[in-house]
Amino acid sequence: MTHTVNLINQQKGFTLVEMAMVLLIVALLLGGMLVPLSAQMEQRNISDTQKALSEIKETIIGYALANGQLPCPAVPTIPTGQAGAGIARTPPCTLTNSTGVLPWATLGVSETDAWGNRYTYRVSSDFADGLGVTFGYDQYSNPCSPSPAPVNATFALCSVGTLNVLSAASGGNTIAGYVPAVIISHGKNGAGAYTPQGTPLPVGSNADEQENSDGSSDTTYVTHAPTPTFDDLVVWISPNILLNRMVAAGKLP
């Protein structure tokens, strides 16, 4: 009888030491899984935003084919759901209103990136100054005076964009020059982005992200591989692709 009782006591379960070891092992396994899972989620957000930016570029070109001009930006400070939110400003889109957020409602695209912030959008004035406008074909030292002037587009084959994309804010190489428009997701940190409430997020201390968030103060934007302090995703409308598509659609001679 005593032997039976001792056997039952030995089979009651794990000791406290054994339980502690099991919990420790489980905690280590879970901790090892959390980092890769977080990295996978972040990579998915990047991929989703890159895909959205690609679709946005095509939508903007489609807008130009239909309307003969690129859309003006939307006012960034209007909260979602209020009148005018996501609606492109009325052209002509001059230097004072050529920067804002993507006019998502006008284009019929998503308002925000994968991190829930609005896309910054900048357009060159000559490509968004309204049909029938006969000025704006001259760009600095590159005269462009087509004869006759286009009637189905607000820009001509010789029109030149004003925006430049560099590899760094200071001393960077030119990646794309004289582009008609730039679209920016400000990434996970959201530095310089506008929220759906129309609130600007702090820009931060990174010089390259500051360059992408300085509004109309200059015409320079930056893109390069991500770093711990830079995670912007930047795309632009290629002038060659835009002009070729306009010609193919019969909007430009």
C-alpha atoms as a PDB file:
ATOM      1  CA  MET A   1       0.000   0.000   0.000  1.00  0.00           C
ATOM      2  CA  THR A   2       2.808   2.394   0.913  1.00  0.00           C
ATOM      3  CA  HIS A   3       4.572   1.579  -2.349  1.00  0.00           C
ATOM      4  CA  THR A   4       1.408   2.368  -4.292  1.00  0.00           C
ATOM      5  CA  VAL A   5       0.968   5.766  -2.584  1.00  0.00           C
ATOM      6  CA  ASN A   6       4.584   6.715  -3.295  1.00  0.00           C
ATOM      7  CA  LEU A   7       4.158   5.733  -6.946  1.00  0.00           C
ATOM      8  CA  ILE A   8       1.031   7.908  -7.232  1.00  0.00           C
ATOM      9  CA  ASN A   9       2.848  10.879  -5.646  1.00  0.00           C
ATOM     10  CA  GLN A  10       5.715  10.474  -8.114  1.00  0.00           C
ATOM     11  CA  GLN A  11       3.267  10.580 -11.049  1.00  0.00           C
ATOM     12  CA  LYS A  12       1.338  13.723  -9.982  1.00  0.00           C
ATOM     13  CA  GLY A  13       3.090  16.023 -12.529  1.00  0.00           C
ATOM     14  CA  PHE A  14       6.022  18.348 -13.119  1.00  0.00           C
ATOM     15  CA  THR A  15       8.015  19.822 -10.290  1.00  0.00           C
ATOM     16  CA  LEU A  16       8.317  23.611  -9.971  1.00  0.00           C
ATOM     17  CA  VAL A  17      11.818  23.478 -11.412  1.00  0.00           C
ATOM     18  CA  GLU A  18      10.604  21.516 -14.434  1.00  0.00           C
ATOM     19  CA  MET A  19       7.704  23.925 -14.972  1.00  0.00           C
ATOM     20  CA  ALA A  20      10.067  26.884 -14.792  1.00  0.00           C
ATOM     21  CA  MET A  21      12.320  25.291 -17.414  1.00  0.00           C
ATOM     22  CA  VAL A  22       9.368  24.627 -19.725  1.00  0.00           C
ATOM     23  CA  LEU A  23       8.153  28.229 -19.405  1.00  0.00           C
ATOM     24  CA  LEU A  24      11.646  29.516 -20.099  1.00  0.00           C
ATOM     25  CA  ILE A  25      11.926  27.438 -23.247  1.00  0.00           C
ATOM     26  CA  VAL A  26       8.490  28.611 -24.461  1.00  0.00           C
ATOM     27  CA  ALA A  27       9.426  32.238 -23.781  1.00  0.00           C
ATOM     28  CA  LEU A  28      12.661  31.870 -25.752  1.00  0.00           C
ATOM     29  CA  LEU A  29      10.830  30.291 -28.670  1.00  0.00           C
ATOM     30  CA  LEU A  30       8.177  33.013 -28.721  1.00  0.00           C
ATOM     31  CA  GLY A  31      10.803  35.742 -28.444  1.00  0.00           C
ATOM     32  CA  GLY A  32      12.674  34.300 -31.396  1.00  0.00           C
ATOM     33  CA  MET A  33       9.501  34.284 -33.483  1.00  0.00           C
ATOM     34  CA  LEU A  34       8.398  37.853 -32.696  1.00  0.00           C
ATOM     35  CA  VAL A  35      11.311  39.597 -34.427  1.00  0.00           C
ATOM     36  CA  PRO A  36      10.915  37.776 -37.763  1.00  0.00           C
ATOM     37  CA  LEU A  37       7.136  38.300 -37.611  1.00  0.00           C
ATOM     38  CA  SER A  38       7.583  42.030 -37.052  1.00  0.00           C
ATOM     39  CA  ALA A  39      10.070  42.186 -39.909  1.00  0.00           C
ATOM     40  CA  GLN A  40       7.664  40.324 -42.174  1.00  0.00           C
ATOM     41  CA  MET A  41       4.839  42.730 -41.360  1.00  0.00           C
ATOM     42  CA  GLU A  42       7.077  45.721 -42.067  1.00  0.00           C
ATOM     43  CA  GLN A  43       8.201  44.265 -45.384  1.00  0.00           C
ATOM     44  CA  ARG A  44       4.573  43.663 -46.304  1.00  0.00           C
ATOM     45  CA  ASN A  45       3.752  47.320 -45.549  1.00  0.00           C
ATOM     46  CA  ILE A  46       6.630  48.412 -47.762  1.00  0.00           C
ATOM     47  CA  SER A  47       5.562  46.103 -50.584  1.00  0.00           C
ATOM     48  CA  ASP A  48       1.925  47.191 -50.336  1.00  0.00           C
ATOM     49  CA  THR A  49       2.914  50.864 -50.454  1.00  0.00           C
ATOM     50  CA  GLN A  50       5.277  50.351 -53.379  1.00  0.00           C
ATOM     51  CA  LYS A  51       2.479  48.612 -55.270  1.00  0.00           C
ATOM     52  CA  ALA A  52       0.084  51.444 -54.420  1.00  0.00           C
ATOM     53  CA  LEU A  53       2.603  54.046 -55.613  1.00  0.00           C
ATOM     54  CA  SER A  54       2.979  52.206 -58.919  1.00  0.00           C
ATOM     55  CA  GLU A  55      -0.800  52.203 -59.367  1.00  0.00           C
ATOM     56  CA  ILE A  56      -0.953  55.890 -58.430  1.00  0.00           C
ATOM     57  CA  LYS A  57       1.577  56.752 -61.146  1.00  0.00           C
ATOM     58  CA  GLU A  58      -0.524  54.964 -63.750  1.00  0.00           C
ATOM     59  CA  THR A  59      -3.671  56.673 -62.501  1.00  0.00           C
ATOM     60  CA  ILE A  60      -2.047  60.122 -62.748  1.00  0.00           C
ATOM     61  CA  ILE A  61      -0.949  59.417 -66.322  1.00  0.00           C
ATOM     62  CA  GLY A  62      -4.482  58.217 -67.079  1.00  0.00           C
ATOM     63  CA  TYR A  63      -5.814  61.483 -65.644  1.00  0.00           C
ATOM     64  CA  ALA A  64      -3.509  63.405 -67.985  1.00  0.00           C
ATOM     65  CA  LEU A  65      -4.707  61.399 -70.971  1.00  0.00           C
ATOM     66  CA  ALA A  66      -8.316  62.187 -70.096  1.00  0.00           C
ATOM     67  CA  ASN A  67      -7.883  65.827 -69.051  1.00  0.00           C
ATOM     68  CA  GLY A  68      -4.805  67.063 -70.898  1.00  0.00           C
ATOM     69  CA  GLN A  69      -2.962  67.966 -67.703  1.00  0.00           C
ATOM     70  CA  LEU A  70      -1.694  66.536 -64.457  1.00  0.00           C
ATOM     71  CA  PRO A  71      -3.898  67.081 -61.401  1.00  0.00           C
ATOM     72  CA  CYS A  72      -3.078  69.770 -58.876  1.00  0.00           C
ATOM     73  CA  PRO A  73      -2.463  68.612 -55.283  1.00  0.00           C
ATOM     74  CA  ALA A  74      -5.218  68.515 -52.690  1.00  0.00           C
ATOM     75  CA  VAL A  75      -5.162  70.774 -49.645  1.00  0.00           C
ATOM     76  CA  PRO A  76      -3.333  68.740 -46.977  1.00  0.00           C
ATOM     77  CA  THR A  77      -5.014  70.234 -43.894  1.00  0.00           C
ATOM     78  CA  ILE A  78      -8.640  69.283 -44.660  1.00  0.00           C
ATOM     79  CA  PRO A  79      -9.728  66.309 -42.495  1.00  0.00           C
ATOM     80  CA  THR A  80     -11.145  63.246 -44.183  1.00  0.00           C
ATOM     81  CA  GLY A  81     -14.880  63.500 -44.738  1.00  0.00           C
ATOM     82  CA  GLN A  82     -15.011  67.281 -44.853  1.00  0.00           C
ATOM     83  CA  ALA A  83     -15.797  69.249 -48.006  1.00  0.00           C
ATOM     84  CA  GLY A  84     -12.812  69.440 -50.334  1.00  0.00           C
ATOM     85  CA  ALA A  85     -10.851  66.599 -48.747  1.00  0.00           C
ATOM     86  CA  GLY A  86      -8.835  64.794 -51.412  1.00  0.00           C
ATOM     87  CA  ILE A  87     -10.067  67.073 -54.211  1.00  0.00           C
ATOM     88  CA  ALA A  88      -7.477  68.495 -56.601  1.00  0.00           C
ATOM     89  CA  ARG A  89      -7.060  72.261 -56.404  1.00  0.00           C
ATOM     90  CA  THR A  90      -8.461  74.204 -59.324  1.00  0.00           C
ATOM     91  CA  PRO A  91      -5.786  74.958 -61.947  1.00  0.00           C
ATOM     92  CA  PRO A  92      -3.666  76.832 -62.746  1.00  0.00           C
ATOM     93  CA  CYS A  93      -1.454  75.132 -60.223  1.00  0.00           C
ATOM     94  CA  THR A  94       1.230  77.730 -59.564  1.00  0.00           C
ATOM     95  CA  LEU A  95       4.317  77.584 -57.378  1.00  0.00           C
ATOM     96  CA  THR A  96       2.325  78.625 -54.323  1.00  0.00           C
ATOM     97  CA  ASN A  97      -0.099  75.695 -54.536  1.00  0.00           C
ATOM     98  CA  SER A  98       1.867  73.070 -56.453  1.00  0.00           C
ATOM     99  CA  THR A  99       2.647  71.106 -53.274  1.00  0.00           C
ATOM    100  CA  GLY A 100       0.145  69.306 -51.071  1.00  0.00           C
ATOM    101  CA  VAL A 101      -1.189  65.802 -50.716  1.00  0.00           C
ATOM    102  CA  LEU A 102      -2.249  63.378 -53.391  1.00  0.00           C
ATOM    103  CA  PRO A 103      -5.790  64.235 -54.588  1.00  0.00           C
ATOM    104  CA  TRP A 104      -7.041  60.753 -53.792  1.00  0.00           C
ATOM    105  CA  ALA A 105     -10.719  61.540 -54.185  1.00  0.00           C
ATOM    106  CA  THR A 106     -10.209  63.112 -57.612  1.00  0.00           C
ATOM    107  CA  LEU A 107      -8.088  60.194 -58.792  1.00  0.00           C
ATOM    108  CA  GLY A 108     -10.103  57.448 -57.093  1.00  0.00           C
ATOM    109  CA  VAL A 109      -7.112  55.936 -55.264  1.00  0.00           C
ATOM    110  CA  SER A 110      -6.294  55.173 -51.646  1.00  0.00           C
ATOM    111  CA  GLU A 111      -5.900  58.171 -49.353  1.00  0.00           C
ATOM    112  CA  THR A 112      -3.114  56.764 -47.227  1.00  0.00           C
ATOM    113  CA  ASP A 113      -0.106  54.487 -47.375  1.00  0.00           C
ATOM    114  CA  ALA A 114       0.226  51.244 -45.403  1.00  0.00           C
ATOM    115  CA  TRP A 115       1.104  53.221 -42.263  1.00  0.00           C
ATOM    116  CA  GLY A 116      -2.059  55.331 -42.409  1.00  0.00           C
ATOM    117  CA  ASN A 117      -0.558  58.635 -43.608  1.00  0.00           C
ATOM    118  CA  ARG A 118      -1.359  60.676 -46.690  1.00  0.00           C
ATOM    119  CA  TYR A 119       0.952  60.788 -49.701  1.00  0.00           C
ATOM    120  CA  THR A 120       2.792  64.023 -50.433  1.00  0.00           C
ATOM    121  CA  TYR A 121       2.328  65.182 -54.039  1.00  0.00           C
ATOM    122  CA  ARG A 122       4.214  67.862 -55.966  1.00  0.00           C
ATOM    123  CA  VAL A 123       3.592  68.864 -59.597  1.00  0.00           C
ATOM    124  CA  SER A 124       5.485  71.102 -62.023  1.00  0.00           C
ATOM    125  CA  SER A 125       3.353  74.142 -62.799  1.00  0.00           C
ATOM    126  CA  ASP A 126       3.611  73.892 -66.614  1.00  0.00           C
ATOM    127  CA  PHE A 127       2.015  70.451 -66.499  1.00  0.00           C
ATOM    128  CA  ALA A 128      -1.001  71.552 -64.436  1.00  0.00           C
ATOM    129  CA  ASP A 129      -1.846  75.128 -65.452  1.00  0.00           C
ATOM    130  CA  GLY A 130      -5.148  74.448 -67.180  1.00  0.00           C
ATOM    131  CA  LEU A 131      -6.288  73.940 -70.745  1.00  0.00           C
ATOM    132  CA  GLY A 132      -6.328  77.065 -72.874  1.00  0.00           C
ATOM    133  CA  VAL A 133      -3.458  78.650 -70.967  1.00  0.00           C
ATOM    134  CA  THR A 134      -1.015  79.975 -73.544  1.00  0.00           C
ATOM    135  CA  PHE A 135       1.739  80.906 -71.105  1.00  0.00           C
ATOM    136  CA  GLY A 136       4.044  78.560 -69.266  1.00  0.00           C
ATOM    137  CA  TYR A 137       5.762  76.883 -72.204  1.00  0.00           C
ATOM    138  CA  ASP A 138       8.996  78.709 -71.443  1.00  0.00           C
ATOM    139  CA  GLN A 139      11.016  77.007 -68.734  1.00  0.00           C
ATOM    140  CA  TYR A 140      14.026  78.958 -67.528  1.00  0.00           C
ATOM    141  CA  SER A 141      16.677  78.745 -70.269  1.00  0.00           C
ATOM    142  CA  ASN A 142      14.798  76.110 -72.246  1.00  0.00           C
ATOM    143  CA  PRO A 143      12.414  78.037 -74.497  1.00  0.00           C
ATOM    144  CA  CYS A 144       9.367  76.095 -75.574  1.00  0.00           C
ATOM    145  CA  SER A 145       6.947  77.933 -77.841  1.00  0.00           C
ATOM    146  CA  PRO A 146       5.185  75.348 -80.006  1.00  0.00           C
ATOM    147  CA  SER A 147       3.299  76.595 -83.016  1.00  0.00           C
ATOM    148  CA  PRO A 148       0.471  75.988 -82.981  1.00  0.00           C
ATOM    149  CA  ALA A 149       0.068  75.631 -79.228  1.00  0.00           C
ATOM    150  CA  PRO A 150      -1.480  72.348 -78.047  1.00  0.00           C
ATOM    151  CA  VAL A 151      -5.251  72.449 -77.747  1.00  0.00           C
ATOM    152  CA  ASN A 152      -5.711  69.082 -76.010  1.00  0.00           C
ATOM    153  CA  ALA A 153      -3.019  69.506 -73.380  1.00  0.00           C
ATOM    154  CA  THR A 154      -1.729  72.197 -71.074  1.00  0.00           C
ATOM    155  CA  PHE A 155       1.878  71.251 -71.880  1.00  0.00           C
ATOM    156  CA  ALA A 156       3.821  70.570 -75.064  1.00  0.00           C
ATOM    157  CA  LEU A 157       6.427  68.070 -76.215  1.00  0.00           C
ATOM    158  CA  CYS A 158       9.099  70.618 -75.404  1.00  0.00           C
ATOM    159  CA  SER A 159       7.792  71.427 -71.920  1.00  0.00           C
ATOM    160  CA  VAL A 160      10.248  70.714 -69.120  1.00  0.00           C
ATOM    161  CA  GLY A 161       9.457  69.729 -65.534  1.00  0.00           C
ATOM    162  CA  THR A 162      10.961  71.612 -62.631  1.00  0.00           C
ATOM    163  CA  LEU A 163      11.499  68.820 -60.107  1.00  0.00           C
ATOM    164  CA  ASN A 164      14.686  66.844 -59.505  1.00  0.00           C
ATOM    165  CA  VAL A 165      15.213  63.631 -57.557  1.00  0.00           C
ATOM    166  CA  LEU A 166      18.646  63.206 -55.981  1.00  0.00           C
ATOM    167  CA  SER A 167      20.431  60.476 -54.049  1.00  0.00           C
ATOM    168  CA  ALA A 168      21.088  62.823 -51.102  1.00  0.00           C
ATOM    169  CA  ALA A 169      20.042  66.273 -49.971  1.00  0.00           C
ATOM    170  CA  SER A 170      23.621  67.492 -49.946  1.00  0.00           C
ATOM    171  CA  GLY A 171      25.992  66.530 -52.734  1.00  0.00           C
ATOM    172  CA  GLY A 172      23.749  63.800 -54.081  1.00  0.00           C
ATOM    173  CA  ASN A 173      23.715  62.536 -57.647  1.00  0.00           C
ATOM    174  CA  THR A 174      20.750  63.265 -59.908  1.00  0.00           C
ATOM    175  CA  ILE A 175      18.572  60.179 -60.240  1.00  0.00           C
ATOM    176  CA  ALA A 176      15.805  61.846 -62.247  1.00  0.00           C
ATOM    177  CA  GLY A 177      15.882  65.387 -63.585  1.00  0.00           C
ATOM    178  CA  TYR A 178      13.184  67.845 -64.684  1.00  0.00           C
ATOM    179  CA  VAL A 179      10.326  65.504 -63.843  1.00  0.00           C
ATOM    180  CA  PRO A 180       6.673  66.646 -64.037  1.00  0.00           C
ATOM    181  CA  ALA A 181       5.511  65.252 -60.673  1.00  0.00           C
ATOM    182  CA  VAL A 182       6.706  63.480 -57.524  1.00  0.00           C
ATOM    183  CA  ILE A 183       4.722  61.290 -55.090  1.00  0.00           C
ATOM    184  CA  ILE A 184       6.057  60.429 -51.626  1.00  0.00           C
ATOM    185  CA  SER A 185       5.143  58.003 -48.880  1.00  0.00           C
ATOM    186  CA  HIS A 186       6.874  59.105 -45.701  1.00  0.00           C
ATOM    187  CA  GLY A 187       7.268  55.529 -44.505  1.00  0.00           C
ATOM    188  CA  LYS A 188       6.840  53.978 -41.103  1.00  0.00           C
ATOM    189  CA  ASN A 189       8.139  56.986 -39.168  1.00  0.00           C
ATOM    190  CA  GLY A 190       5.757  59.278 -41.098  1.00  0.00           C
ATOM    191  CA  ALA A 191       8.171  62.198 -40.749  1.00  0.00           C
ATOM    192  CA  GLY A 192       6.707  65.171 -42.614  1.00  0.00           C
ATOM    193  CA  ALA A 193       3.489  63.418 -43.652  1.00  0.00           C
ATOM    194  CA  TYR A 194      -0.088  64.595 -43.120  1.00  0.00           C
ATOM    195  CA  THR A 195      -2.556  62.418 -41.256  1.00  0.00           C
ATOM    196  CA  PRO A 196      -6.166  61.848 -42.359  1.00  0.00           C
ATOM    197  CA  GLN A 197      -7.084  64.444 -39.718  1.00  0.00           C
ATOM    198  CA  GLY A 198      -5.116  67.029 -41.706  1.00  0.00           C
ATOM    199  CA  THR A 199      -2.390  67.272 -39.093  1.00  0.00           C
ATOM    200  CA  PRO A 200       1.279  67.452 -40.118  1.00  0.00           C
ATOM    201  CA  LEU A 201       3.625  65.051 -38.379  1.00  0.00           C
ATOM    202  CA  PRO A 202       7.037  66.275 -37.131  1.00  0.00           C
ATOM    203  CA  VAL A 203       9.668  66.273 -39.851  1.00  0.00           C
ATOM    204  CA  GLY A 204      12.513  64.871 -37.800  1.00  0.00           C
ATOM    205  CA  SER A 205      16.255  65.505 -37.963  1.00  0.00           C
ATOM    206  CA  ASN A 206      17.248  63.520 -41.053  1.00  0.00           C
ATOM    207  CA  ALA A 207      18.335  65.952 -43.791  1.00  0.00           C
ATOM    208  CA  ASP A 208      17.055  63.751 -46.623  1.00  0.00           C
ATOM    209  CA  GLU A 209      13.604  63.387 -45.070  1.00  0.00           C
ATOM    210  CA  GLN A 210      13.567  67.123 -44.418  1.00  0.00           C
ATOM    211  CA  GLU A 211      14.187  67.670 -48.135  1.00  0.00           C
ATOM    212  CA  ASN A 212      11.087  65.601 -48.911  1.00  0.00           C
ATOM    213  CA  SER A 213       8.973  67.604 -46.458  1.00  0.00           C
ATOM    214  CA  ASP A 214       9.889  71.239 -47.122  1.00  0.00           C
ATOM    215  CA  GLY A 215       6.911  72.060 -49.324  1.00  0.00           C
ATOM    216  CA  SER A 216       7.564  74.559 -52.069  1.00  0.00           C
ATOM    217  CA  SER A 217      10.821  75.956 -50.697  1.00  0.00           C
ATOM    218  CA  ASP A 218      12.789  74.269 -53.510  1.00  0.00           C
ATOM    219  CA  THR A 219      12.387  71.687 -56.265  1.00  0.00           C
ATOM    220  CA  THR A 220      14.622  68.931 -54.885  1.00  0.00           C
ATOM    221  CA  TYR A 221      13.575  65.538 -53.530  1.00  0.00           C
ATOM    222  CA  VAL A 222      15.610  62.577 -52.278  1.00  0.00           C
ATOM    223  CA  THR A 223      15.439  58.818 -52.620  1.00  0.00           C
ATOM    224  CA  HIS A 224      17.876  56.089 -51.608  1.00  0.00           C
ATOM    225  CA  ALA A 225      18.013  52.791 -49.766  1.00  0.00           C
ATOM    226  CA  PRO A 226      16.421  52.860 -46.309  1.00  0.00           C
ATOM    227  CA  THR A 227      18.512  53.647 -43.241  1.00  0.00           C
ATOM    228  CA  PRO A 228      17.602  53.771 -39.532  1.00  0.00           C
ATOM    229  CA  THR A 229      16.556  57.437 -40.005  1.00  0.00           C
ATOM    230  CA  PHE A 230      15.317  57.454 -43.631  1.00  0.00           C
ATOM    231  CA  ASP A 231      12.401  55.353 -44.842  1.00  0.00           C
ATOM    232  CA  ASP A 232      10.669  57.527 -47.452  1.00  0.00           C
ATOM    233  CA  LEU A 233       9.391  55.856 -50.616  1.00  0.00           C
ATOM    234  CA  VAL A 234       9.622  58.233 -53.574  1.00  0.00           C
ATOM    235  CA  VAL A 235       8.319  57.799 -57.127  1.00  0.00           C
ATOM    236  CA  TRP A 236       7.955  60.250 -59.992  1.00  0.00           C
ATOM    237  CA  ILE A 237       6.214  60.666 -63.324  1.00  0.00           C
ATOM    238  CA  SER A 238       8.717  60.077 -66.099  1.00  0.00           C
ATOM    239  CA  PRO A 239       8.547  62.878 -68.695  1.00  0.00           C
ATOM    240  CA  ASN A 240       9.366  60.484 -71.539  1.00  0.00           C
ATOM    241  CA  ILE A 241       6.658  58.019 -70.578  1.00  0.00           C
ATOM    242  CA  LEU A 242       4.100  60.800 -70.059  1.00  0.00           C
ATOM    243  CA  LEU A 243       4.827  62.524 -73.382  1.00  0.00           C
ATOM    244  CA  ASN A 244       4.892  59.254 -75.330  1.00  0.00           C
ATOM    245  CA  ARG A 245       1.561  58.219 -73.850  1.00  0.00           C
ATOM    246  CA  MET A 246       0.088  61.642 -74.671  1.00  0.00           C
ATOM    247  CA  VAL A 247       1.230  61.339 -78.277  1.00  0.00           C
ATOM    248  CA  ALA A 248      -0.146  57.802 -78.571  1.00  0.00           C
ATOM    249  CA  ALA A 249      -3.510  59.049 -77.245  1.00  0.00           C
ATOM    250  CA  GLY A 250      -3.594  61.911 -79.757  1.00  0.00           C
ATOM    251  CA  LYS A 251      -3.345  64.597 -77.062  1.00  0.00           C
ATOM    252  CA  LEU A 252      -0.044  65.923 -78.413  1.00  0.00           C
ATOM    253  CA  PRO A 253       1.165  66.177 -82.010  1.00  0.00           C
END
